[in-house]
Amino acid sequence: MAYTVDTTELKKAMINAGINTTVELSERSGVNRNTVGGILNGEIRPSSAVIEKIARALSLDGQDIGRIFFKAQLA
């Protein structure tokens, strides 16, 4: 089964964390701005290291991480 990022939920998590832009998420997480933009546009599936950095920046718990970064993608 393939997985994808639920970009809508990721954007909601950003808003809940008080982060309004890709630049701000990039600065807080330490993830390259272009990578953050690609994830938010659904163009990039992040590595586990990137997921961890973004999750820490957004104060996500395990359930949120699963819901956002491991959305089942129907073939």
PDB file of N, CA and C in Angstrom:
ATOM      1  N   MET A   1       0.841  -1.179   0.000  1.00  0.00           N
ATOM      2  CA  MET A   1       0.000   0.000   0.000  1.00  0.00           C
ATOM      3  C   MET A   1       0.887   1.245   0.000  1.00  0.00           C
ATOM      4  N   ALA A   2       0.563   2.195  -0.815  1.00  0.00           N
ATOM      5  CA  ALA A   2       1.316   3.447  -0.893  1.00  0.00           C
ATOM      6  C   ALA A   2       0.727   4.472   0.067  1.00  0.00           C
ATOM      7  N   TYR A   3       1.577   5.347   0.517  1.00  0.00           N
ATOM      8  CA  TYR A   3       1.157   6.393   1.436  1.00  0.00           C
ATOM      9  C   TYR A   3       1.465   7.758   0.848  1.00  0.00           C
ATOM     10  N   THR A   4       0.697   8.740   1.288  1.00  0.00           N
ATOM     11  CA  THR A   4       0.890  10.104   0.842  1.00  0.00           C
ATOM     12  C   THR A   4       0.712  11.039   2.030  1.00  0.00           C
ATOM     13  N   VAL A   5       1.104  12.272   1.872  1.00  0.00           N
ATOM     14  CA  VAL A   5       0.940  13.282   2.918  1.00  0.00           C
ATOM     15  C   VAL A   5      -0.438  13.914   2.756  1.00  0.00           C
ATOM     16  N   ASP A   6      -1.166  14.017   3.864  1.00  0.00           N
ATOM     17  CA  ASP A   6      -2.448  14.720   3.850  1.00  0.00           C
ATOM     18  C   ASP A   6      -2.123  16.210   4.016  1.00  0.00           C
ATOM     19  N   THR A   7      -1.981  16.891   2.888  1.00  0.00           N
ATOM     20  CA  THR A   7      -1.526  18.283   2.918  1.00  0.00           C
ATOM     21  C   THR A   7      -2.523  19.207   3.617  1.00  0.00           C
ATOM     22  N   THR A   8      -3.800  18.897   3.529  1.00  0.00           N
ATOM     23  CA  THR A   8      -4.798  19.718   4.216  1.00  0.00           C
ATOM     24  C   THR A   8      -4.595  19.636   5.721  1.00  0.00           C
ATOM     25  N   GLU A   9      -4.384  18.433   6.225  1.00  0.00           N
ATOM     26  CA  GLU A   9      -4.164  18.258   7.665  1.00  0.00           C
ATOM     27  C   GLU A   9      -2.836  18.865   8.099  1.00  0.00           C
ATOM     28  N   LEU A  10      -1.838  18.792   7.241  1.00  0.00           N
ATOM     29  CA  LEU A  10      -0.547  19.399   7.566  1.00  0.00           C
ATOM     30  C   LEU A  10      -0.694  20.915   7.673  1.00  0.00           C
ATOM     31  N   LYS A  11      -1.439  21.505   6.770  1.00  0.00           N
ATOM     32  CA  LYS A  11      -1.663  22.958   6.823  1.00  0.00           C
ATOM     33  C   LYS A  11      -2.457  23.348   8.065  1.00  0.00           C
ATOM     34  N   LYS A  12      -3.429  22.513   8.462  1.00  0.00           N
ATOM     35  CA  LYS A  12      -4.174  22.775   9.699  1.00  0.00           C
ATOM     36  C   LYS A  12      -3.246  22.717  10.907  1.00  0.00           C
ATOM     37  N   ALA A  13      -2.345  21.751  10.913  1.00  0.00           N
ATOM     38  CA  ALA A  13      -1.390  21.625  12.012  1.00  0.00           C
ATOM     39  C   ALA A  13      -0.473  22.839  12.076  1.00  0.00           C
ATOM     40  N   MET A  14      -0.094  23.357  10.918  1.00  0.00           N
ATOM     41  CA  MET A  14       0.721  24.572  10.887  1.00  0.00           C
ATOM     42  C   MET A  14      -0.032  25.740  11.521  1.00  0.00           C
ATOM     43  N   ILE A  15      -1.285  25.904  11.144  1.00  0.00           N
ATOM     44  CA  ILE A  15      -2.094  26.993  11.684  1.00  0.00           C
ATOM     45  C   ILE A  15      -2.232  26.839  13.195  1.00  0.00           C
ATOM     46  N   ASN A  16      -2.493  25.614  13.650  1.00  0.00           N
ATOM     47  CA  ASN A  16      -2.631  25.367  15.089  1.00  0.00           C
ATOM     48  C   ASN A  16      -1.351  25.682  15.853  1.00  0.00           C
ATOM     49  N   ALA A  17      -0.209  25.538  15.187  1.00  0.00           N
ATOM     50  CA  ALA A  17       1.083  25.836  15.804  1.00  0.00           C
ATOM     51  C   ALA A  17       1.484  27.294  15.624  1.00  0.00           C
ATOM     52  N   GLY A  18       0.628  28.078  14.981  1.00  0.00           N
ATOM     53  CA  GLY A  18       0.936  29.492  14.771  1.00  0.00           C
ATOM     54  C   GLY A  18       1.935  29.738  13.661  1.00  0.00           C
ATOM     55  N   ILE A  19       2.040  28.795  12.741  1.00  0.00           N
ATOM     56  CA  ILE A  19       2.962  28.911  11.613  1.00  0.00           C
ATOM     57  C   ILE A  19       2.139  29.178  10.368  1.00  0.00           C
ATOM     58  N   ASN A  20       2.429  30.283   9.691  1.00  0.00           N
ATOM     59  CA  ASN A  20       1.607  30.709   8.568  1.00  0.00           C
ATOM     60  C   ASN A  20       2.241  30.545   7.195  1.00  0.00           C
ATOM     61  N   THR A  21       3.540  30.329   7.130  1.00  0.00           N
ATOM     62  CA  THR A  21       4.208  30.270   5.829  1.00  0.00           C
ATOM     63  C   THR A  21       5.184  29.098   5.755  1.00  0.00           C
ATOM     64  N   THR A  22       5.524  28.726   4.535  1.00  0.00           N
ATOM     65  CA  THR A  22       6.526  27.672   4.349  1.00  0.00           C
ATOM     66  C   THR A  22       7.883  28.113   4.881  1.00  0.00           C
ATOM     67  N   VAL A  23       8.183  29.388   4.748  1.00  0.00           N
ATOM     68  CA  VAL A  23       9.459  29.910   5.247  1.00  0.00           C
ATOM     69  C   VAL A  23       9.529  29.747   6.763  1.00  0.00           C
ATOM     70  N   GLU A  24       8.442  30.060   7.437  1.00  0.00           N
ATOM     71  CA  GLU A  24       8.414  29.945   8.891  1.00  0.00           C
ATOM     72  C   GLU A  24       8.549  28.487   9.331  1.00  0.00           C
ATOM     73  N   LEU A  25       7.846  27.571   8.661  1.00  0.00           N
ATOM     74  CA  LEU A  25       7.977  26.154   8.995  1.00  0.00           C
ATOM     75  C   LEU A  25       9.398  25.680   8.710  1.00  0.00           C
ATOM     76  N   SER A  26       9.972  26.138   7.634  1.00  0.00           N
ATOM     77  CA  SER A  26      11.341  25.782   7.293  1.00  0.00           C
ATOM     78  C   SER A  26      12.311  26.233   8.382  1.00  0.00           C
ATOM     79  N   GLU A  27      12.163  27.451   8.821  1.00  0.00           N
ATOM     80  CA  GLU A  27      13.055  27.989   9.860  1.00  0.00           C
ATOM     81  C   GLU A  27      12.886  27.244  11.179  1.00  0.00           C
ATOM     82  N   ARG A  28      11.666  26.961  11.567  1.00  0.00           N
ATOM     83  CA  ARG A  28      11.414  26.291  12.847  1.00  0.00           C
ATOM     84  C   ARG A  28      11.824  24.823  12.831  1.00  0.00           C
ATOM     85  N   SER A  29      11.712  24.192  11.669  1.00  0.00           N
ATOM     86  CA  SER A  29      11.999  22.759  11.589  1.00  0.00           C
ATOM     87  C   SER A  29      13.428  22.446  11.166  1.00  0.00           C
ATOM     88  N   GLY A  30      14.067  23.388  10.480  1.00  0.00           N
ATOM     89  CA  GLY A  30      15.396  23.124   9.951  1.00  0.00           C
ATOM     90  C   GLY A  30      15.366  22.360   8.640  1.00  0.00           C
ATOM     91  N   VAL A  31      14.186  22.291   8.009  1.00  0.00           N
ATOM     92  CA  VAL A  31      14.025  21.616   6.723  1.00  0.00           C
ATOM     93  C   VAL A  31      14.081  22.673   5.622  1.00  0.00           C
ATOM     94  N   ASN A  32      14.783  22.371   4.553  1.00  0.00           N
ATOM     95  CA  ASN A  32      14.925  23.296   3.431  1.00  0.00           C
ATOM     96  C   ASN A  32      13.559  23.814   2.971  1.00  0.00           C
ATOM     97  N   ARG A  33      13.503  25.090   2.673  1.00  0.00           N
ATOM     98  CA  ARG A  33      12.261  25.752   2.252  1.00  0.00           C
ATOM     99  C   ARG A  33      11.648  25.091   1.022  1.00  0.00           C
ATOM    100  N   ASN A  34      12.468  24.716   0.059  1.00  0.00           N
ATOM    101  CA  ASN A  34      11.951  24.075  -1.151  1.00  0.00           C
ATOM    102  C   ASN A  34      11.360  22.698  -0.841  1.00  0.00           C
ATOM    103  N   THR A  35      11.964  22.001   0.095  1.00  0.00           N
ATOM    104  CA  THR A  35      11.437  20.702   0.507  1.00  0.00           C
ATOM    105  C   THR A  35      10.086  20.873   1.190  1.00  0.00           C
ATOM    106  N   VAL A  36       9.988  21.836   2.091  1.00  0.00           N
ATOM    107  CA  VAL A  36       8.720  22.115   2.769  1.00  0.00           C
ATOM    108  C   VAL A  36       7.644  22.461   1.744  1.00  0.00           C
ATOM    109  N   GLY A  37       7.973  23.305   0.796  1.00  0.00           N
ATOM    110  CA  GLY A  37       7.020  23.687  -0.244  1.00  0.00           C
ATOM    111  C   GLY A  37       6.577  22.492  -1.065  1.00  0.00           C
ATOM    112  N   GLY A  38       7.520  21.617  -1.405  1.00  0.00           N
ATOM    113  CA  GLY A  38       7.199  20.425  -2.173  1.00  0.00           C
ATOM    114  C   GLY A  38       6.281  19.478  -1.409  1.00  0.00           C
ATOM    115  N   ILE A  39       6.504  19.363  -0.108  1.00  0.00           N
ATOM    116  CA  ILE A  39       5.639  18.522   0.727  1.00  0.00           C
ATOM    117  C   ILE A  39       4.236  19.112   0.772  1.00  0.00           C
ATOM    118  N   LEU A  40       4.145  20.411   1.003  1.00  0.00           N
ATOM    119  CA  LEU A  40       2.838  21.071   1.097  1.00  0.00           C
ATOM    120  C   LEU A  40       2.083  21.061  -0.226  1.00  0.00           C
ATOM    121  N   ASN A  41       2.799  20.985  -1.330  1.00  0.00           N
ATOM    122  CA  ASN A  41       2.162  20.916  -2.650  1.00  0.00           C
ATOM    123  C   ASN A  41       1.893  19.478  -3.089  1.00  0.00           C
ATOM    124  N   GLY A  42       2.261  18.511  -2.244  1.00  0.00           N
ATOM    125  CA  GLY A  42       2.038  17.116  -2.576  1.00  0.00           C
ATOM    126  C   GLY A  42       2.997  16.558  -3.605  1.00  0.00           C
ATOM    127  N   GLU A  43       4.105  17.233  -3.817  1.00  0.00           N
ATOM    128  CA  GLU A  43       5.081  16.817  -4.821  1.00  0.00           C
ATOM    129  C   GLU A  43       6.181  15.935  -4.246  1.00  0.00           C
ATOM    130  N   ILE A  44       6.386  16.004  -2.933  1.00  0.00           N
ATOM    131  CA  ILE A  44       7.475  15.289  -2.276  1.00  0.00           C
ATOM    132  C   ILE A  44       6.918  14.472  -1.124  1.00  0.00           C
ATOM    133  N   ARG A  45       7.353  13.214  -1.033  1.00  0.00           N
ATOM    134  CA  ARG A  45       7.072  12.404   0.151  1.00  0.00           C
ATOM    135  C   ARG A  45       8.304  12.507   1.043  1.00  0.00           C
ATOM    136  N   PRO A  46       8.138  13.026   2.238  1.00  0.00           N
ATOM    137  CA  PRO A  46       9.301  13.277   3.096  1.00  0.00           C
ATOM    138  C   PRO A  46       9.911  12.006   3.671  1.00  0.00           C
ATOM    139  N   SER A  47      11.208  12.080   3.918  1.00  0.00           N
ATOM    140  CA  SER A  47      11.915  10.991   4.586  1.00  0.00           C
ATOM    141  C   SER A  47      11.524  10.984   6.058  1.00  0.00           C
ATOM    142  N   SER A  48      11.895   9.928   6.752  1.00  0.00           N
ATOM    143  CA  SER A  48      11.577   9.844   8.181  1.00  0.00           C
ATOM    144  C   SER A  48      12.269  10.959   8.964  1.00  0.00           C
ATOM    145  N   ALA A  49      13.474  11.339   8.561  1.00  0.00           N
ATOM    146  CA  ALA A  49      14.180  12.424   9.250  1.00  0.00           C
ATOM    147  C   ALA A  49      13.447  13.753   9.087  1.00  0.00           C
ATOM    148  N   VAL A  50      12.930  14.005   7.902  1.00  0.00           N
ATOM    149  CA  VAL A  50      12.185  15.243   7.645  1.00  0.00           C
ATOM    150  C   VAL A  50      10.863  15.229   8.404  1.00  0.00           C
ATOM    151  N   ILE A  51      10.189  14.076   8.407  1.00  0.00           N
ATOM    152  CA  ILE A  51       8.940  13.964   9.166  1.00  0.00           C
ATOM    153  C   ILE A  51       9.193  14.284  10.628  1.00  0.00           C
ATOM    154  N   GLU A  52      10.257  13.745  11.170  1.00  0.00           N
ATOM    155  CA  GLU A  52      10.591  13.985  12.581  1.00  0.00           C
ATOM    156  C   GLU A  52      10.822  15.464  12.857  1.00  0.00           C
ATOM    157  N   LYS A  53      11.551  16.135  11.996  1.00  0.00           N
ATOM    158  CA  LYS A  53      11.825  17.566  12.192  1.00  0.00           C
ATOM    159  C   LYS A  53      10.547  18.394  12.127  1.00  0.00           C
ATOM    160  N   ILE A  54       9.705  18.099  11.160  1.00  0.00           N
ATOM    161  CA  ILE A  54       8.445  18.844  11.024  1.00  0.00           C
ATOM    162  C   ILE A  54       7.525  18.538  12.195  1.00  0.00           C
ATOM    163  N   ALA A  55       7.465  17.281  12.591  1.00  0.00           N
ATOM    164  CA  ALA A  55       6.617  16.889  13.726  1.00  0.00           C
ATOM    165  C   ALA A  55       7.036  17.614  15.002  1.00  0.00           C
ATOM    166  N   ARG A  56       8.319  17.730  15.234  1.00  0.00           N
ATOM    167  CA  ARG A  56       8.802  18.457  16.418  1.00  0.00           C
ATOM    168  C   ARG A  56       8.455  19.939  16.335  1.00  0.00           C
ATOM    169  N   ALA A  57       8.631  20.520  15.166  1.00  0.00           N
ATOM    170  CA  ALA A  57       8.324  21.943  14.991  1.00  0.00           C
ATOM    171  C   ALA A  57       6.846  22.230  15.218  1.00  0.00           C
ATOM    172  N   LEU A  58       5.990  21.251  14.879  1.00  0.00           N
ATOM    173  CA  LEU A  58       4.540  21.429  15.015  1.00  0.00           C
ATOM    174  C   LEU A  58       3.997  20.812  16.302  1.00  0.00           C
ATOM    175  N   SER A  59       4.877  20.216  17.117  1.00  0.00           N
ATOM    176  CA  SER A  59       4.480  19.545  18.372  1.00  0.00           C
ATOM    177  C   SER A  59       3.410  18.487  18.129  1.00  0.00           C
ATOM    178  N   LEU A  60       3.635  17.658  17.109  1.00  0.00           N
ATOM    179  CA  LEU A  60       2.676  16.603  16.768  1.00  0.00           C
ATOM    180  C   LEU A  60       2.919  15.368  17.626  1.00  0.00           C
ATOM    181  N   ASP A  61       1.835  14.686  17.991  1.00  0.00           N
ATOM    182  CA  ASP A  61       1.981  13.408  18.685  1.00  0.00           C
ATOM    183  C   ASP A  61       1.968  12.289  17.641  1.00  0.00           C
ATOM    184  N   GLY A  62       2.162  11.067  18.100  1.00  0.00           N
ATOM    185  CA  GLY A  62       2.248   9.937  17.183  1.00  0.00           C
ATOM    186  C   GLY A  62       1.012   9.758  16.328  1.00  0.00           C
ATOM    187  N   GLN A  63      -0.150   9.952  16.918  1.00  0.00           N
ATOM    188  CA  GLN A  63      -1.395   9.811  16.165  1.00  0.00           C
ATOM    189  C   GLN A  63      -1.482  10.856  15.053  1.00  0.00           C
ATOM    190  N   ASP A  64      -1.106  12.099  15.365  1.00  0.00           N
ATOM    191  CA  ASP A  64      -1.118  13.163  14.355  1.00  0.00           C
ATOM    192  C   ASP A  64      -0.131  12.864  13.233  1.00  0.00           C
ATOM    193  N   ILE A  65       1.038  12.369  13.597  1.00  0.00           N
ATOM    194  CA  ILE A  65       2.048  12.044  12.591  1.00  0.00           C
ATOM    195  C   ILE A  65       1.507  10.991  11.624  1.00  0.00           C
ATOM    196  N   GLY A  66       0.896   9.942  12.165  1.00  0.00           N
ATOM    197  CA  GLY A  66       0.332   8.899  11.319  1.00  0.00           C
ATOM    198  C   GLY A  66      -0.762   9.428  10.417  1.00  0.00           C
ATOM    199  N   ARG A  67      -1.643  10.247  10.972  1.00  0.00           N
ATOM    200  CA  ARG A  67      -2.778  10.789  10.218  1.00  0.00           C
ATOM    201  C   ARG A  67      -2.308  11.706   9.097  1.00  0.00           C
ATOM    202  N   ILE A  68      -1.289  12.503   9.358  1.00  0.00           N
ATOM    203  CA  ILE A  68      -0.823  13.500   8.387  1.00  0.00           C
ATOM    204  C   ILE A  68       0.128  12.892   7.348  1.00  0.00           C
ATOM    205  N   PHE A  69       1.107  12.137   7.806  1.00  0.00           N
ATOM    206  CA  PHE A  69       2.175  11.704   6.908  1.00  0.00           C
ATOM    207  C   PHE A  69       1.992  10.315   6.307  1.00  0.00           C
ATOM    208  N   PHE A  70       1.020   9.563   6.801  1.00  0.00           N
ATOM    209  CA  PHE A  70       0.841   8.200   6.303  1.00  0.00           C
ATOM    210  C   PHE A  70      -0.599   7.935   5.903  1.00  0.00           C
ATOM    211  N   LYS A  71      -1.164   8.857   5.125  1.00  0.00           N
ATOM    212  CA  LYS A  71      -2.508   8.702   4.609  1.00  0.00           C
ATOM    213  C   LYS A  71      -2.464   7.644   3.500  1.00  0.00           C
ATOM    214  N   ALA A  72      -3.320   6.650   3.621  1.00  0.00           N
ATOM    215  CA  ALA A  72      -3.349   5.585   2.611  1.00  0.00           C
ATOM    216  C   ALA A  72      -3.729   6.158   1.263  1.00  0.00           C
ATOM    217  N   GLN A  73      -2.986   5.798   0.261  1.00  0.00           N
ATOM    218  CA  GLN A  73      -3.226   6.280  -1.100  1.00  0.00           C
ATOM    219  C   GLN A  73      -3.845   5.138  -1.901  1.00  0.00           C
ATOM    220  N   LEU A  74      -5.058   5.334  -2.341  1.00  0.00           N
ATOM    221  CA  LEU A  74      -5.723   4.301  -3.119  1.00  0.00           C
ATOM    222  C   LEU A  74      -5.168   4.284  -4.533  1.00  0.00           C
ATOM    223  N   ALA A  75      -4.907   3.106  -5.026  1.00  0.00           N
ATOM    224  CA  ALA A  75      -4.282   2.962  -6.348  1.00  0.00           C
ATOM    225  C   ALA A  75      -5.223   3.237  -7.471  1.00  0.00           C
TER     226      ALA A  75
END
